[in-house]
Amino acid sequence: MQVLKENVKEKIYQAAIEEFYKKGFLKAKMQDIAKKAGISVGLTYSYYNNKEDLFAAIVGPIYKEIIQPMENEEGRDSEIGDPSNLFEQESVFLLQLLRQKREIFLILIDRSKGTRFEKAKEQIINVTKEHIKRQLSPKVNSQIFKIDEAFYHILANNFIEGLLEIARHYQGSQWAENMLKMLTHQFFYGVSGFHR
């Protein structure tokens, strides 16, 4: 039985990030990943069953990191208080995402066609929509505004697209922080116009 080495697994993982980022899931090849990692193709299968398994090992954790907090927040709304505090907390998470996992985030969203993650963007938009709805609905002046489900979807889509544009055009940590501040500020204070 072959002894699996953590450093070899990490080389495969890093090489796969590069390949998936450049080519996407469909065009990336295990042979190219193995070559970039400096190992034989056969050895990659000792660590990952197939290309989809390797892809899931890369994007699965970040997918959960993004989705689970928003799915699990229902019922916590009363604990949050001022929504601007929530945006502040989320900005810290999003900035960390952009600084440390930007390429993996973009692989998940833009380069996952042909995998079980190919609808990740839609799923992230949907949980973001529900998140926005939970935060905004109780505060909407219903005498003036009749907000349709589609409006919450538009808000969520716009926010996620803004975040993706920051990730796609990333120009460094300070730049991303400034852009994210402007995006969340515009988003928060723009939607606060609907408050009572």
Protein backbone atom coordinates (compact mmCIF):
# COMPACT_ATOMS: atom_id res chain seq x y z
CA MET A 1 0.00 0.00 0.00
CA GLN A 2 1.29 3.42 -0.96
CA VAL A 3 1.83 6.02 1.76
CA LEU A 4 0.08 9.27 0.87
CA LYS A 5 2.09 12.40 1.53
CA GLU A 6 0.51 15.69 2.51
CA ASN A 7 3.03 17.74 0.50
CA VAL A 8 2.20 15.78 -2.69
CA LYS A 9 -1.52 16.28 -2.08
CA GLU A 10 -0.91 20.02 -1.62
CA LYS A 11 1.09 20.20 -4.88
CA ILE A 12 -1.81 18.55 -6.75
CA TYR A 13 -4.28 20.89 -5.05
CA GLN A 14 -2.30 24.05 -5.95
CA ALA A 15 -1.69 22.87 -9.53
CA ALA A 16 -5.40 22.15 -9.90
CA ILE A 17 -6.32 25.64 -8.70
CA GLU A 18 -4.09 27.09 -11.43
CA GLU A 19 -5.52 24.81 -14.12
CA PHE A 20 -9.16 25.26 -13.14
CA TYR A 21 -8.67 29.02 -12.86
CA LYS A 22 -7.10 29.23 -16.33
CA LYS A 23 -9.23 26.68 -18.18
CA GLY A 24 -12.34 25.92 -16.15
CA PHE A 25 -13.47 22.43 -15.17
CA LEU A 26 -14.38 21.19 -18.65
CA LYS A 27 -11.08 22.08 -20.34
CA ALA A 28 -8.72 21.30 -17.46
CA LYS A 29 -7.00 17.91 -17.73
CA MET A 30 -5.65 15.68 -15.00
CA GLN A 31 -2.51 15.18 -17.14
CA ASP A 32 -1.80 18.92 -17.09
CA ILE A 33 -2.48 19.13 -13.36
CA ALA A 34 -0.10 16.22 -12.71
CA LYS A 35 2.58 17.76 -14.93
CA LYS A 36 2.30 21.11 -13.15
CA ALA A 37 2.50 19.30 -9.79
CA GLY A 38 5.59 17.40 -10.98
CA ILE A 39 4.09 13.95 -10.49
CA SER A 40 2.70 11.13 -12.63
CA VAL A 41 -0.97 11.17 -13.65
CA GLY A 42 -1.48 7.80 -11.97
CA LEU A 43 -0.31 9.21 -8.65
CA THR A 44 -2.96 11.96 -8.75
CA TYR A 45 -5.61 9.22 -8.62
CA SER A 46 -4.11 7.95 -5.36
CA TYR A 47 -5.13 11.28 -3.83
CA TYR A 48 -8.29 12.16 -5.76
CA ASN A 49 -10.65 9.66 -7.41
CA ASN A 50 -11.23 11.83 -10.48
CA LYS A 51 -11.27 15.40 -11.74
CA GLU A 52 -14.70 16.11 -10.21
CA ASP A 53 -13.48 14.87 -6.81
CA LEU A 54 -10.46 17.18 -7.04
CA PHE A 55 -12.66 20.09 -8.14
CA ALA A 56 -15.03 19.48 -5.21
CA ALA A 57 -12.10 19.39 -2.77
CA ILE A 58 -11.15 22.86 -3.97
CA VAL A 59 -14.51 24.64 -4.25
CA GLY A 60 -16.68 22.66 -1.80
CA PRO A 61 -15.34 24.27 1.39
CA ILE A 62 -15.70 27.83 0.07
CA TYR A 63 -19.21 27.07 -1.18
CA LYS A 64 -20.20 25.95 2.33
CA GLU A 65 -18.42 28.94 3.86
CA ILE A 66 -20.56 31.29 1.77
CA ILE A 67 -23.92 29.48 1.87
CA GLN A 68 -24.20 28.07 5.40
CA PRO A 69 -24.05 31.28 7.46
CA MET A 70 -26.90 32.84 5.48
CA GLU A 71 -28.97 29.64 5.51
CA ASN A 72 -28.49 29.31 9.27
CA GLU A 73 -29.24 32.92 10.19
CA GLU A 74 -33.03 32.63 10.24
CA GLY A 75 -34.24 33.43 13.74
CA ARG A 76 -31.12 35.44 14.55
CA ASP A 77 -32.50 38.62 12.99
CA SER A 78 -33.60 40.02 16.34
CA GLU A 79 -30.06 39.49 17.69
CA ILE A 80 -28.49 41.48 14.87
CA GLY A 81 -30.08 44.84 15.64
CA ASP A 82 -28.84 47.57 13.34
CA PRO A 83 -28.45 46.18 9.79
CA SER A 84 -25.38 48.37 9.26
CA ASN A 85 -23.62 46.21 11.89
CA LEU A 86 -24.52 43.15 9.85
CA PHE A 87 -23.08 44.69 6.69
CA GLU A 88 -19.92 45.51 8.64
CA GLN A 89 -19.57 41.87 9.77
CA GLU A 90 -20.25 40.58 6.28
CA SER A 91 -17.72 43.00 4.80
CA VAL A 92 -15.00 41.48 6.99
CA PHE A 93 -15.86 38.00 5.68
CA LEU A 94 -16.09 39.17 2.05
CA LEU A 95 -12.78 41.02 2.25
CA GLN A 96 -11.09 37.91 3.66
CA LEU A 97 -12.66 35.91 0.81
CA LEU A 98 -11.25 38.33 -1.77
CA ARG A 99 -7.80 38.45 -0.18
CA GLN A 100 -7.30 34.76 0.49
CA LYS A 101 -9.61 32.76 -1.78
CA ARG A 102 -10.41 35.00 -4.74
CA GLU A 103 -9.28 32.51 -7.40
CA ILE A 104 -11.21 29.65 -5.79
CA PHE A 105 -14.30 31.89 -5.52
CA LEU A 106 -14.04 32.68 -9.23
CA ILE A 107 -13.50 29.02 -10.10
CA LEU A 108 -16.68 28.20 -8.18
CA ILE A 109 -18.74 30.91 -9.88
CA ASP A 110 -17.28 31.26 -13.38
CA ARG A 111 -15.52 27.97 -14.13
CA SER A 112 -17.65 25.18 -12.68
CA LYS A 113 -19.73 24.22 -15.73
CA GLY A 114 -20.03 20.44 -15.94
CA THR A 115 -19.89 19.92 -12.16
CA ARG A 116 -22.44 19.69 -9.37
CA PHE A 117 -21.40 23.28 -8.53
CA GLU A 118 -22.40 24.80 -11.87
CA LYS A 119 -25.47 26.43 -10.31
CA ALA A 120 -23.52 27.84 -7.35
CA LYS A 121 -23.96 31.44 -8.47
CA GLU A 122 -27.76 31.04 -8.65
CA GLN A 123 -27.78 29.34 -5.25
CA ILE A 124 -25.65 32.10 -3.71
CA ILE A 125 -27.95 34.73 -5.23
CA ASN A 126 -31.00 32.90 -3.84
CA VAL A 127 -29.69 32.66 -0.27
CA THR A 128 -28.55 36.29 -0.53
CA LYS A 129 -32.05 37.21 -1.70
CA GLU A 130 -33.60 35.51 1.33
CA HIS A 131 -31.02 37.16 3.58
CA ILE A 132 -31.83 40.62 2.18
CA LYS A 133 -35.55 39.93 2.42
CA ARG A 134 -35.25 38.97 6.11
CA GLN A 135 -33.30 42.14 6.82
CA LEU A 136 -35.32 44.55 4.70
CA SER A 137 -38.94 43.32 4.90
CA PRO A 138 -39.63 44.31 8.51
CA LYS A 139 -38.26 47.78 7.85
CA VAL A 140 -40.04 48.57 4.57
CA ASN A 141 -42.61 51.33 4.63
CA SER A 142 -45.43 49.22 3.18
CA GLN A 143 -47.67 52.28 2.86
CA ILE A 144 -45.33 53.62 0.18
CA PHE A 145 -43.58 50.55 -1.26
CA LYS A 146 -45.09 47.26 -2.41
CA ILE A 147 -41.99 45.12 -2.80
CA ASP A 148 -42.24 42.11 -5.08
CA GLU A 149 -40.09 38.93 -4.73
CA ALA A 150 -38.38 39.88 -7.97
CA PHE A 151 -37.07 43.08 -6.40
CA TYR A 152 -35.26 41.13 -3.67
CA HIS A 153 -33.78 38.93 -6.38
CA ILE A 154 -32.58 42.01 -8.30
CA LEU A 155 -30.94 43.42 -5.15
CA ALA A 156 -29.20 40.10 -4.44
CA ASN A 157 -28.08 39.69 -8.03
CA ASN A 158 -26.69 43.23 -8.15
CA PHE A 159 -24.78 42.76 -4.91
CA ILE A 160 -23.27 39.41 -5.95
CA GLU A 161 -22.38 40.77 -9.41
CA GLY A 162 -20.68 43.74 -7.74
CA LEU A 163 -18.67 41.38 -5.55
CA LEU A 164 -17.75 39.27 -8.58
CA GLU A 165 -16.58 42.34 -10.49
CA ILE A 166 -14.30 43.25 -7.59
CA ALA A 167 -12.93 39.67 -7.63
CA ARG A 168 -12.50 39.60 -11.42
CA HIS A 169 -10.71 42.96 -11.59
CA TYR A 170 -8.78 42.55 -8.34
CA GLN A 171 -5.97 45.09 -8.00
CA GLY A 172 -4.72 44.27 -4.55
CA SER A 173 -5.94 44.14 -0.99
CA GLN A 174 -6.29 47.88 -0.36
CA TRP A 175 -8.11 48.41 -3.65
CA ALA A 176 -10.51 45.54 -2.88
CA GLU A 177 -11.17 46.89 0.60
CA ASN A 178 -12.02 50.33 -0.80
CA MET A 179 -14.23 48.89 -3.55
CA LEU A 180 -16.02 46.62 -1.09
CA LYS A 181 -16.62 49.54 1.28
CA MET A 182 -18.12 51.56 -1.55
CA LEU A 183 -20.26 48.63 -2.73
CA THR A 184 -21.64 47.83 0.73
CA HIS A 185 -22.10 51.52 1.55
CA GLN A 186 -24.00 52.12 -1.67
CA PHE A 187 -25.98 48.96 -1.16
CA PHE A 188 -26.85 49.55 2.49
CA TYR A 189 -27.65 53.23 2.25
CA GLY A 190 -29.42 52.76 -1.07
CA VAL A 191 -31.82 50.17 0.35
CA SER A 192 -32.21 52.08 3.61
CA GLY A 193 -34.34 54.54 1.61
CA PHE A 194 -37.11 51.92 1.86
CA HIS A 195 -37.18 52.06 5.67
CA ARG A 196 -40.09 53.48 7.60
